[in-house]
């Protein structure tokens, strides 16, 4: 599995966690923190895709 594929799977896991927090009334701070994690991973993915 390539680094890009691993990163894609990690993004999917973290996004699932974010969706869970949103759907189940997670605290704003938790949702925000999780959204930052997803954003950072997506940025890394895009950087890899640009190479």
Protein backbone atom coordinates (compact mmCIF):
# COMPACT_ATOMS: atom_id res chain seq x y z
CA UNK A 1 0.00 0.00 0.00
CA UNK A 2 1.41 3.39 -0.97
CA UNK A 3 1.71 6.35 1.34
CA UNK A 4 -1.08 8.06 -0.59
CA UNK A 5 -3.40 5.06 -0.13
CA UNK A 6 -2.62 4.87 3.61
CA UNK A 7 -3.32 8.56 3.96
CA UNK A 8 -6.62 8.18 2.11
CA UNK A 9 -7.71 5.43 4.50
CA UNK A 10 -6.69 7.54 7.49
CA UNK A 11 -8.71 10.46 6.13
CA UNK A 12 -11.74 8.19 5.79
CA UNK A 13 -11.36 6.96 9.40
CA UNK A 14 -10.97 10.47 10.78
CA UNK A 15 -13.87 11.79 8.71
CA UNK A 16 -16.05 8.96 10.02
CA UNK A 17 -15.12 10.04 13.55
CA UNK A 18 -15.94 13.66 12.69
CA UNK A 19 -19.33 12.67 11.27
CA UNK A 20 -20.04 10.61 14.39
CA UNK A 21 -19.28 13.58 16.64
CA UNK A 22 -21.50 15.87 14.59
CA UNK A 23 -24.40 13.43 14.39
CA UNK A 24 -24.29 12.61 18.10
CA UNK A 25 -24.03 16.12 19.45
CA UNK A 26 -20.33 16.13 20.25
CA UNK A 27 -18.96 19.16 22.04
CA UNK A 28 -18.03 22.05 19.78
CA UNK A 29 -14.40 21.79 20.87
CA UNK A 30 -14.26 18.09 19.97
CA UNK A 31 -15.86 18.67 16.57
CA UNK A 32 -13.48 21.55 15.85
CA UNK A 33 -10.42 19.55 16.91
CA UNK A 34 -11.48 16.62 14.75
CA UNK A 35 -12.15 18.90 11.78
CA UNK A 36 -8.60 20.25 12.09
CA UNK A 37 -7.24 16.71 11.99
CA UNK A 38 -9.21 15.99 8.81
CA UNK A 39 -8.09 19.27 7.26
CA UNK A 40 -4.41 18.56 7.94
CA UNK A 41 -4.67 15.08 6.47
CA UNK A 42 -6.42 16.38 3.36
CA UNK A 43 -3.69 19.01 2.93
CA UNK A 44 -1.04 16.29 3.13
CA UNK A 45 -2.96 14.16 0.63
CA UNK A 46 -3.19 17.06 -1.81
CA UNK A 47 0.52 17.75 -1.43
CA UNK A 48 1.27 14.13 -2.33
CA UNK A 49 -1.12 14.27 -5.28
CA UNK A 50 0.63 17.38 -6.61
CA UNK A 51 4.01 15.64 -6.74
